[in-house]
């Protein structure tokens, strides 16, 4: 449908709690998901949430459609299957937390070390109202937590515990190209 402008940190829509989706398999919902997909692919994102394009609904998409595809922004990360997740519920499994680098399409040009639960169980629905139910770990779990944070008005810098671990991508990683970050 269309590549949308991604809102940047500070925009009110990114700081608000998104509303639940109440109707599935509608033209408007399919159009939103296509807009999210087009925008995410254009910007090489690992995922994107509806509030990032100015739509305050509890909708996220993440992952790569091809199981062998590597995300250019996270070339060393495990592949995450393409997923549409609506009205998600997350349950953390265990207490183990991992610190790792994150970036965000809404915080361009920056990276930070963010603590995230290593394992989680998530549920929700796809755009047709079918149940999504997965137990995941590692990068997949990190992406889900990051994207679902957007639905509650939380951006990754709000989760950084040491601001020495937050800065410009080209300073922390001088030999890497983060043009879409």
N, C-alpha and C. Protein backbone atom coordinates (compact mmCIF):
# COMPACT_ATOMS: atom_id res chain seq x y z
N UNK A 1 0.82 -1.19 0.00
CA UNK A 1 0.00 0.00 0.00
C UNK A 1 0.87 1.26 0.00
N UNK A 2 1.64 1.47 1.13
CA UNK A 2 2.43 2.70 1.17
C UNK A 2 3.53 2.61 2.22
N UNK A 3 4.63 3.26 1.91
CA UNK A 3 5.69 3.45 2.90
C UNK A 3 5.32 4.70 3.68
N UNK A 4 5.20 4.57 4.98
CA UNK A 4 4.78 5.67 5.85
C UNK A 4 5.98 6.29 6.53
N UNK A 5 5.82 7.54 6.93
CA UNK A 5 6.85 8.21 7.73
C UNK A 5 6.83 7.58 9.12
N UNK A 6 8.02 7.32 9.65
CA UNK A 6 8.13 6.76 10.99
C UNK A 6 8.30 7.91 11.99
N UNK A 7 7.42 7.92 12.99
CA UNK A 7 7.50 8.95 14.03
C UNK A 7 8.78 8.78 14.82
N UNK A 8 9.33 9.89 15.30
CA UNK A 8 10.55 9.85 16.08
C UNK A 8 10.27 10.13 17.55
N UNK A 9 11.20 9.66 18.39
CA UNK A 9 11.09 9.81 19.83
C UNK A 9 10.69 11.24 20.18
N UNK A 10 9.69 11.35 21.04
CA UNK A 10 9.16 12.64 21.44
C UNK A 10 7.75 12.88 20.93
N UNK A 11 7.38 12.20 19.84
CA UNK A 11 6.03 12.34 19.30
C UNK A 11 5.01 11.76 20.29
N UNK A 12 3.91 12.46 20.54
CA UNK A 12 2.92 12.00 21.52
C UNK A 12 2.38 10.59 21.27
N UNK A 13 2.18 10.20 20.02
CA UNK A 13 1.63 8.86 19.73
C UNK A 13 2.56 7.76 20.21
N UNK A 14 3.87 8.04 20.22
CA UNK A 14 4.83 7.03 20.68
C UNK A 14 4.85 6.89 22.20
N UNK A 15 4.28 7.85 22.90
CA UNK A 15 4.32 7.84 24.36
C UNK A 15 2.99 7.41 24.98
N UNK A 16 2.00 7.09 24.15
CA UNK A 16 0.67 6.73 24.64
C UNK A 16 0.46 5.22 24.59
N UNK A 17 -0.44 4.74 25.43
CA UNK A 17 -0.84 3.33 25.38
C UNK A 17 -1.81 3.15 24.22
N UNK A 18 -1.49 2.21 23.33
CA UNK A 18 -2.32 1.97 22.15
C UNK A 18 -3.61 1.23 22.52
N UNK A 19 -4.62 1.43 21.70
CA UNK A 19 -5.94 0.81 21.89
C UNK A 19 -5.97 -0.60 21.30
N UNK A 20 -6.72 -1.50 21.93
CA UNK A 20 -6.83 -2.86 21.37
C UNK A 20 -7.62 -2.86 20.05
N UNK A 21 -7.30 -3.82 19.22
CA UNK A 21 -8.06 -4.05 17.99
C UNK A 21 -9.31 -4.83 18.38
N UNK A 22 -10.45 -4.39 17.88
CA UNK A 22 -11.72 -5.05 18.23
C UNK A 22 -12.34 -5.80 17.05
N UNK A 23 -11.89 -5.49 15.82
CA UNK A 23 -12.42 -6.18 14.64
C UNK A 23 -11.27 -6.70 13.79
N UNK A 24 -11.37 -7.95 13.40
CA UNK A 24 -10.34 -8.60 12.60
C UNK A 24 -10.83 -8.79 11.17
N UNK A 25 -9.86 -9.07 10.28
CA UNK A 25 -10.15 -9.36 8.88
C UNK A 25 -10.96 -8.25 8.21
N UNK A 26 -10.58 -7.01 8.48
CA UNK A 26 -11.22 -5.86 7.85
C UNK A 26 -10.26 -5.25 6.83
N UNK A 27 -10.80 -4.52 5.88
CA UNK A 27 -9.97 -3.86 4.88
C UNK A 27 -9.00 -2.88 5.55
N UNK A 28 -9.48 -2.15 6.55
CA UNK A 28 -8.63 -1.18 7.23
C UNK A 28 -7.46 -1.85 7.95
N UNK A 29 -7.71 -2.99 8.59
CA UNK A 29 -6.65 -3.71 9.29
C UNK A 29 -5.64 -4.28 8.29
N UNK A 30 -6.12 -4.84 7.20
CA UNK A 30 -5.21 -5.37 6.17
C UNK A 30 -4.35 -4.24 5.57
N UNK A 31 -4.95 -3.08 5.36
CA UNK A 31 -4.20 -1.94 4.83
C UNK A 31 -3.13 -1.48 5.81
N UNK A 32 -3.47 -1.43 7.11
CA UNK A 32 -2.51 -1.05 8.14
C UNK A 32 -1.33 -2.02 8.14
N UNK A 33 -1.61 -3.31 8.09
CA UNK A 33 -0.54 -4.31 8.12
C UNK A 33 0.34 -4.20 6.88
N UNK A 34 -0.27 -3.95 5.73
CA UNK A 34 0.53 -3.77 4.51
C UNK A 34 1.41 -2.52 4.61
N UNK A 35 0.86 -1.44 5.16
CA UNK A 35 1.65 -0.22 5.37
C UNK A 35 2.82 -0.48 6.31
N UNK A 36 2.56 -1.23 7.39
CA UNK A 36 3.63 -1.57 8.33
C UNK A 36 4.70 -2.41 7.64
N UNK A 37 4.27 -3.40 6.87
CA UNK A 37 5.22 -4.26 6.16
C UNK A 37 6.05 -3.47 5.16
N UNK A 38 5.40 -2.63 4.36
CA UNK A 38 6.13 -1.83 3.37
C UNK A 38 7.14 -0.92 4.04
N UNK A 39 6.74 -0.30 5.14
CA UNK A 39 7.61 0.63 5.85
C UNK A 39 8.77 -0.11 6.50
N UNK A 40 8.49 -1.24 7.15
CA UNK A 40 9.54 -2.03 7.80
C UNK A 40 10.56 -2.52 6.77
N UNK A 41 10.09 -3.03 5.65
CA UNK A 41 11.00 -3.53 4.62
C UNK A 41 11.83 -2.40 4.03
N UNK A 42 11.21 -1.27 3.78
CA UNK A 42 11.92 -0.13 3.21
C UNK A 42 13.05 0.35 4.12
N UNK A 43 12.83 0.26 5.44
CA UNK A 43 13.81 0.76 6.40
C UNK A 43 14.67 -0.35 7.00
N UNK A 44 14.53 -1.58 6.48
CA UNK A 44 15.30 -2.73 6.98
C UNK A 44 15.08 -2.97 8.47
N UNK A 45 13.89 -2.74 8.94
CA UNK A 45 13.59 -2.94 10.35
C UNK A 45 13.45 -4.40 10.71
N UNK A 46 13.73 -4.72 11.96
CA UNK A 46 13.50 -6.07 12.48
C UNK A 46 12.03 -6.24 12.85
N UNK A 47 11.36 -5.11 13.07
CA UNK A 47 9.95 -5.09 13.41
C UNK A 47 9.47 -3.66 13.42
N UNK A 48 8.16 -3.50 13.54
CA UNK A 48 7.56 -2.16 13.61
C UNK A 48 6.21 -2.28 14.28
N UNK A 49 5.84 -1.24 14.99
CA UNK A 49 4.55 -1.20 15.70
C UNK A 49 3.70 -0.10 15.09
N UNK A 50 2.39 -0.30 15.12
CA UNK A 50 1.46 0.67 14.54
C UNK A 50 1.67 2.10 15.07
N UNK A 51 1.92 2.29 16.37
CA UNK A 51 2.14 3.67 16.83
C UNK A 51 3.32 4.36 16.15
N UNK A 52 4.28 3.60 15.64
CA UNK A 52 5.43 4.20 14.97
C UNK A 52 5.05 4.89 13.67
N UNK A 53 3.90 4.52 13.10
CA UNK A 53 3.43 5.21 11.90
C UNK A 53 2.18 6.04 12.22
N UNK A 54 2.00 6.32 13.50
CA UNK A 54 0.93 7.23 13.92
C UNK A 54 -0.43 6.61 14.12
N UNK A 55 -0.49 5.28 14.22
CA UNK A 55 -1.77 4.59 14.42
C UNK A 55 -1.75 3.96 15.81
N UNK A 56 -2.59 4.45 16.69
CA UNK A 56 -2.58 4.00 18.08
C UNK A 56 -3.42 2.74 18.27
N UNK A 57 -2.97 1.65 17.67
CA UNK A 57 -3.61 0.34 17.81
C UNK A 57 -2.56 -0.68 18.23
N UNK A 58 -2.99 -1.72 18.93
CA UNK A 58 -2.09 -2.75 19.45
C UNK A 58 -1.77 -3.78 18.36
N UNK A 59 -0.97 -3.31 17.39
CA UNK A 59 -0.56 -4.13 16.24
C UNK A 59 0.93 -3.99 16.05
N UNK A 60 1.63 -5.12 15.97
CA UNK A 60 3.05 -5.14 15.63
C UNK A 60 3.28 -6.19 14.55
N UNK A 61 4.33 -5.98 13.78
CA UNK A 61 4.81 -7.03 12.88
C UNK A 61 6.31 -7.11 13.10
N UNK A 62 6.87 -8.27 12.84
CA UNK A 62 8.31 -8.45 12.99
C UNK A 62 8.75 -9.66 12.20
N UNK A 63 10.06 -9.75 11.99
CA UNK A 63 10.65 -10.92 11.34
C UNK A 63 10.79 -10.77 9.84
N UNK A 64 11.29 -11.83 9.25
CA UNK A 64 11.56 -11.89 7.82
C UNK A 64 10.68 -12.96 7.19
N UNK A 65 10.12 -12.66 6.02
CA UNK A 65 9.25 -13.61 5.34
C UNK A 65 10.00 -14.85 4.86
N UNK A 66 11.25 -14.67 4.46
CA UNK A 66 12.06 -15.81 4.03
C UNK A 66 12.82 -16.33 5.24
N UNK A 67 12.70 -17.61 5.53
CA UNK A 67 13.30 -18.18 6.75
C UNK A 67 14.82 -18.06 6.77
N UNK A 68 15.44 -17.92 5.61
CA UNK A 68 16.90 -17.80 5.57
C UNK A 68 17.36 -16.34 5.46
N UNK A 69 16.42 -15.42 5.39
CA UNK A 69 16.77 -14.01 5.22
C UNK A 69 17.47 -13.47 6.47
N UNK A 70 18.46 -12.62 6.22
CA UNK A 70 19.20 -11.97 7.30
C UNK A 70 18.82 -10.50 7.28
N UNK A 71 18.52 -9.95 8.44
CA UNK A 71 18.20 -8.53 8.52
C UNK A 71 19.50 -7.74 8.45
N UNK A 72 19.63 -6.79 7.51
CA UNK A 72 20.89 -6.06 7.37
C UNK A 72 21.24 -5.20 8.58
N UNK A 73 20.27 -4.84 9.39
CA UNK A 73 20.57 -4.06 10.59
C UNK A 73 21.05 -4.95 11.73
N UNK A 74 20.74 -6.25 11.67
CA UNK A 74 21.15 -7.20 12.70
C UNK A 74 21.68 -8.46 12.02
N UNK A 75 22.82 -8.35 11.31
CA UNK A 75 23.30 -9.46 10.49
C UNK A 75 23.72 -10.70 11.28
N UNK A 76 24.06 -10.56 12.54
CA UNK A 76 24.51 -11.70 13.33
C UNK A 76 23.39 -12.36 14.13
N UNK A 77 22.18 -11.81 14.02
CA UNK A 77 21.06 -12.32 14.81
C UNK A 77 20.41 -13.52 14.14
N UNK A 78 19.83 -14.39 14.96
CA UNK A 78 19.07 -15.52 14.44
C UNK A 78 17.86 -15.01 13.66
N UNK A 79 17.45 -15.78 12.65
CA UNK A 79 16.27 -15.42 11.88
C UNK A 79 15.02 -15.49 12.75
N UNK A 80 14.13 -14.54 12.55
CA UNK A 80 12.85 -14.50 13.26
C UNK A 80 11.76 -14.63 12.20
N UNK A 81 10.82 -15.56 12.38
CA UNK A 81 9.77 -15.73 11.37
C UNK A 81 8.85 -14.50 11.29
N UNK A 82 8.44 -14.17 10.08
CA UNK A 82 7.52 -13.05 9.89
C UNK A 82 6.24 -13.32 10.68
N UNK A 83 5.85 -12.33 11.47
CA UNK A 83 4.69 -12.50 12.34
C UNK A 83 3.89 -11.22 12.41
N UNK A 84 2.58 -11.35 12.29
CA UNK A 84 1.64 -10.29 12.61
C UNK A 84 1.10 -10.63 13.99
N UNK A 85 1.22 -9.69 14.93
CA UNK A 85 0.80 -9.95 16.30
C UNK A 85 -0.08 -8.79 16.76
N UNK A 86 -1.32 -9.13 17.05
CA UNK A 86 -2.33 -8.14 17.44
C UNK A 86 -2.80 -8.43 18.85
N UNK A 87 -2.96 -7.37 19.64
CA UNK A 87 -3.38 -7.48 21.05
C UNK A 87 -2.52 -8.49 21.81
N UNK A 88 -1.19 -8.30 21.75
CA UNK A 88 -0.29 -9.28 22.36
C UNK A 88 -0.34 -9.30 23.88
N UNK A 89 -0.07 -10.47 24.41
CA UNK A 89 0.12 -10.69 25.85
C UNK A 89 1.45 -11.40 26.00
N UNK A 90 2.33 -10.88 26.85
CA UNK A 90 3.65 -11.46 27.06
C UNK A 90 3.76 -11.99 28.48
N UNK A 91 4.32 -13.18 28.60
CA UNK A 91 4.62 -13.77 29.91
C UNK A 91 6.09 -14.15 29.91
N UNK A 92 6.85 -13.58 30.81
CA UNK A 92 8.28 -13.88 30.88
C UNK A 92 8.49 -15.23 31.53
N UNK A 93 9.43 -16.00 30.98
CA UNK A 93 9.74 -17.33 31.48
C UNK A 93 11.07 -17.24 32.22
N UNK A 94 11.04 -17.47 33.51
CA UNK A 94 12.25 -17.40 34.31
C UNK A 94 12.68 -15.97 34.58
N UNK A 95 13.79 -15.86 35.29
CA UNK A 95 14.31 -14.55 35.68
C UNK A 95 15.51 -14.12 34.85
N UNK A 96 15.98 -14.97 33.95
CA UNK A 96 17.21 -14.67 33.22
C UNK A 96 16.99 -13.50 32.26
N UNK A 97 17.86 -12.50 32.39
CA UNK A 97 17.83 -11.29 31.57
C UNK A 97 19.16 -11.19 30.84
N UNK A 98 19.11 -10.72 29.61
CA UNK A 98 20.31 -10.55 28.80
C UNK A 98 20.42 -9.09 28.36
N UNK A 99 21.61 -8.53 28.47
CA UNK A 99 21.88 -7.18 27.98
C UNK A 99 22.44 -7.28 26.58
N UNK A 100 21.87 -6.49 25.65
CA UNK A 100 22.38 -6.48 24.29
C UNK A 100 22.01 -5.16 23.62
N UNK A 101 22.65 -4.92 22.49
CA UNK A 101 22.44 -3.68 21.75
C UNK A 101 21.08 -3.68 21.06
N UNK A 102 20.44 -2.53 21.06
CA UNK A 102 19.21 -2.32 20.31
C UNK A 102 19.27 -0.98 19.60
N UNK A 103 18.55 -0.91 18.51
CA UNK A 103 18.29 0.33 17.81
C UNK A 103 16.80 0.40 17.56
N UNK A 104 16.36 1.48 16.96
CA UNK A 104 14.93 1.64 16.72
C UNK A 104 14.72 2.61 15.58
N UNK A 105 13.77 2.30 14.72
CA UNK A 105 13.45 3.19 13.62
C UNK A 105 12.97 4.55 14.12
N UNK A 106 12.43 4.61 15.34
CA UNK A 106 11.95 5.87 15.92
C UNK A 106 13.02 6.62 16.69
N UNK A 107 14.21 6.03 16.80
CA UNK A 107 15.35 6.68 17.46
C UNK A 107 16.53 6.55 16.49
N UNK A 108 16.45 7.24 15.33
CA UNK A 108 17.43 7.02 14.27
C UNK A 108 18.84 7.43 14.66
N UNK A 109 19.79 6.60 14.20
CA UNK A 109 21.20 6.92 14.38
C UNK A 109 21.76 6.59 15.74
N UNK A 110 20.99 5.95 16.60
CA UNK A 110 21.45 5.67 17.95
C UNK A 110 21.29 4.19 18.29
N UNK A 111 22.07 3.75 19.26
CA UNK A 111 22.02 2.38 19.78
C UNK A 111 22.22 2.42 21.27
N UNK A 112 21.73 1.39 21.96
CA UNK A 112 21.94 1.30 23.39
C UNK A 112 21.87 -0.14 23.85
N UNK A 113 22.48 -0.39 25.00
CA UNK A 113 22.42 -1.73 25.60
C UNK A 113 21.19 -1.78 26.50
N UNK A 114 20.32 -2.74 26.20
CA UNK A 114 19.02 -2.85 26.87
C UNK A 114 18.89 -4.23 27.50
N UNK A 115 18.49 -4.28 28.78
CA UNK A 115 18.20 -5.58 29.38
C UNK A 115 16.83 -6.09 28.94
N UNK A 116 16.77 -7.35 28.53
CA UNK A 116 15.50 -7.98 28.13
C UNK A 116 15.48 -9.40 28.68
N UNK A 117 14.28 -9.88 28.95
CA UNK A 117 14.12 -11.27 29.36
C UNK A 117 14.55 -12.18 28.22
N UNK A 118 15.26 -13.24 28.58
CA UNK A 118 15.82 -14.14 27.58
C UNK A 118 14.75 -15.05 26.96
N UNK A 119 13.75 -15.43 27.77
CA UNK A 119 12.70 -16.32 27.28
C UNK A 119 11.34 -15.73 27.59
N UNK A 120 10.40 -15.95 26.67
CA UNK A 120 9.04 -15.50 26.93
C UNK A 120 8.04 -16.31 26.14
N UNK A 121 6.82 -16.26 26.62
CA UNK A 121 5.68 -16.87 25.96
C UNK A 121 4.80 -15.71 25.51
N UNK A 122 4.46 -15.69 24.23
CA UNK A 122 3.54 -14.62 23.79
C UNK A 122 2.34 -15.21 23.08
N UNK A 123 1.25 -14.51 23.26
CA UNK A 123 0.00 -14.87 22.59
C UNK A 123 -0.61 -13.60 21.99
N UNK A 124 -1.52 -13.80 21.11
CA UNK A 124 -2.23 -12.70 20.47
C UNK A 124 -2.98 -13.27 19.28
N UNK A 125 -3.18 -12.43 18.28
CA UNK A 125 -3.96 -12.83 17.11
C UNK A 125 -3.29 -12.31 15.85
N UNK A 126 -3.54 -12.99 14.73
CA UNK A 126 -3.12 -12.45 13.44
C UNK A 126 -4.25 -11.57 12.91
N UNK A 127 -4.09 -11.04 11.70
CA UNK A 127 -5.08 -10.10 11.18
C UNK A 127 -6.44 -10.74 10.87
N UNK A 128 -6.48 -12.07 10.83
CA UNK A 128 -7.73 -12.77 10.55
C UNK A 128 -8.44 -13.19 11.84
N UNK A 129 -7.82 -12.94 12.99
CA UNK A 129 -8.39 -13.34 14.26
C UNK A 129 -7.94 -14.71 14.72
N UNK A 130 -6.98 -15.33 14.00
CA UNK A 130 -6.43 -16.62 14.40
C UNK A 130 -5.47 -16.42 15.56
N UNK A 131 -5.48 -17.35 16.50
CA UNK A 131 -4.63 -17.28 17.67
C UNK A 131 -3.16 -17.48 17.29
N UNK A 132 -2.30 -16.66 17.89
CA UNK A 132 -0.85 -16.82 17.79
C UNK A 132 -0.37 -17.18 19.18
N UNK A 133 0.43 -18.24 19.31
CA UNK A 133 0.86 -18.72 20.62
C UNK A 133 2.25 -19.33 20.46
N UNK A 134 3.28 -18.65 21.04
CA UNK A 134 4.65 -19.11 20.86
C UNK A 134 5.45 -18.98 22.14
N UNK A 135 6.41 -19.88 22.30
CA UNK A 135 7.42 -19.82 23.35
C UNK A 135 8.73 -19.56 22.62
N UNK A 136 9.40 -18.44 22.95
CA UNK A 136 10.59 -18.04 22.19
C UNK A 136 11.70 -17.61 23.13
N UNK A 137 12.91 -17.47 22.56
CA UNK A 137 14.06 -17.03 23.34
C UNK A 137 15.00 -16.25 22.44
N UNK A 138 16.05 -15.70 23.03
CA UNK A 138 17.10 -15.01 22.29
C UNK A 138 16.61 -13.78 21.56
N UNK A 139 17.12 -13.59 20.33
CA UNK A 139 16.80 -12.40 19.55
C UNK A 139 15.31 -12.29 19.27
N UNK A 140 14.65 -13.41 19.02
CA UNK A 140 13.20 -13.42 18.77
C UNK A 140 12.48 -12.80 19.98
N UNK A 141 12.84 -13.24 21.18
CA UNK A 141 12.22 -12.70 22.40
C UNK A 141 12.51 -11.21 22.55
N UNK A 142 13.73 -10.80 22.22
CA UNK A 142 14.11 -9.38 22.31
C UNK A 142 13.26 -8.53 21.37
N UNK A 143 13.10 -8.98 20.13
CA UNK A 143 12.33 -8.22 19.14
C UNK A 143 10.88 -8.07 19.60
N UNK A 144 10.29 -9.16 20.08
CA UNK A 144 8.90 -9.11 20.53
C UNK A 144 8.75 -8.11 21.69
N UNK A 145 9.66 -8.16 22.66
CA UNK A 145 9.59 -7.24 23.79
C UNK A 145 9.74 -5.79 23.32
N UNK A 146 10.69 -5.55 22.43
CA UNK A 146 10.92 -4.20 21.91
C UNK A 146 9.67 -3.67 21.22
N UNK A 147 9.11 -4.46 20.31
CA UNK A 147 7.94 -3.99 19.55
C UNK A 147 6.71 -3.82 20.45
N UNK A 148 6.50 -4.75 21.37
CA UNK A 148 5.34 -4.64 22.26
C UNK A 148 5.48 -3.47 23.23
N UNK A 149 6.70 -3.10 23.58
CA UNK A 149 6.90 -1.89 24.38
C UNK A 149 6.28 -0.67 23.71
N UNK A 150 6.39 -0.60 22.38
CA UNK A 150 5.81 0.53 21.66
C UNK A 150 4.31 0.65 21.91
N UNK A 151 3.65 -0.45 22.16
CA UNK A 151 2.20 -0.43 22.38
C UNK A 151 1.84 0.16 23.74
N UNK A 152 2.83 0.25 24.61
CA UNK A 152 2.61 0.82 25.95
C UNK A 152 3.32 2.16 26.11
N UNK A 153 3.76 2.76 25.01
CA UNK A 153 4.40 4.06 25.08
C UNK A 153 5.82 4.04 25.61
N UNK A 154 6.50 2.90 25.46
CA UNK A 154 7.87 2.75 25.96
C UNK A 154 8.82 2.60 24.78
N UNK A 155 9.87 3.42 24.75
CA UNK A 155 10.93 3.30 23.76
C UNK A 155 12.17 2.77 24.46
N UNK A 156 13.02 2.06 23.71
CA UNK A 156 14.14 1.36 24.34
C UNK A 156 15.04 2.24 25.20
N UNK A 157 15.27 3.54 24.87
CA UNK A 157 16.12 4.32 25.78
C UNK A 157 15.57 4.40 27.21
N UNK A 158 14.27 4.25 27.36
CA UNK A 158 13.65 4.27 28.69
C UNK A 158 14.03 3.04 29.51
N UNK A 159 14.52 2.00 28.86
CA UNK A 159 14.89 0.76 29.54
C UNK A 159 16.40 0.65 29.79
N UNK A 160 17.18 1.55 29.24
CA UNK A 160 18.64 1.49 29.42
C UNK A 160 18.98 1.79 30.87
N UNK A 161 19.81 0.94 31.46
CA UNK A 161 20.14 1.11 32.88
C UNK A 161 21.40 1.93 33.10
N UNK A 162 22.26 2.05 32.08
CA UNK A 162 23.47 2.85 32.20
C UNK A 162 23.59 3.69 30.94
N UNK A 163 23.41 4.99 31.06
CA UNK A 163 23.42 5.85 29.88
C UNK A 163 24.78 5.94 29.20
N UNK A 164 25.83 5.38 29.80
CA UNK A 164 27.11 5.26 29.11
C UNK A 164 26.99 4.27 27.95
N UNK A 165 25.96 3.43 28.00
CA UNK A 165 25.71 2.42 26.98
C UNK A 165 24.69 2.89 25.95
N UNK A 166 24.57 4.21 25.77
CA UNK A 166 23.62 4.78 24.82
C UNK A 166 24.31 5.89 24.04
N UNK A 167 24.25 5.81 22.72
CA UNK A 167 24.89 6.83 21.91
C UNK A 167 24.68 6.60 20.43
N UNK A 168 25.45 7.33 19.66
CA UNK A 168 25.32 7.26 18.22
C UNK A 168 25.94 5.97 17.67
N UNK A 169 25.22 5.37 16.74
CA UNK A 169 25.65 4.11 16.13
C UNK A 169 27.03 4.22 15.51
N UNK A 170 27.29 5.31 14.80
CA UNK A 170 28.57 5.43 14.10
C UNK A 170 29.74 5.65 15.05
N UNK A 171 29.47 6.04 16.30
CA UNK A 171 30.53 6.16 17.30
C UNK A 171 30.83 4.80 17.92
N UNK A 172 29.77 4.07 18.31
CA UNK A 172 29.96 2.74 18.90
C UNK A 172 30.44 1.72 17.87
N UNK A 173 30.00 1.86 16.64
CA UNK A 173 30.31 0.89 15.58
C UNK A 173 30.83 1.62 14.34
N UNK A 174 32.05 2.17 14.42
CA UNK A 174 32.56 3.04 13.35
C UNK A 174 32.74 2.37 11.99
N UNK A 175 32.86 1.07 11.94
CA UNK A 175 33.11 0.39 10.67
C UNK A 175 31.85 -0.26 10.09
N UNK A 176 30.69 0.06 10.67
CA UNK A 176 29.45 -0.53 10.17
C UNK A 176 28.56 0.55 9.59
N UNK A 177 27.76 0.18 8.62
CA UNK A 177 26.86 1.12 7.96
C UNK A 177 25.47 0.98 8.55
N UNK A 178 25.06 1.98 9.33
CA UNK A 178 23.73 1.98 9.94
C UNK A 178 22.88 3.09 9.32
N UNK A 179 22.92 3.22 8.01
CA UNK A 179 22.24 4.32 7.34
C UNK A 179 20.74 4.36 7.61
N UNK A 180 20.11 3.22 7.85
CA UNK A 180 18.68 3.20 8.08
C UNK A 180 18.31 3.22 9.55
N UNK A 181 19.28 3.33 10.41
CA UNK A 181 19.05 3.28 11.85
C UNK A 181 18.39 4.56 12.35
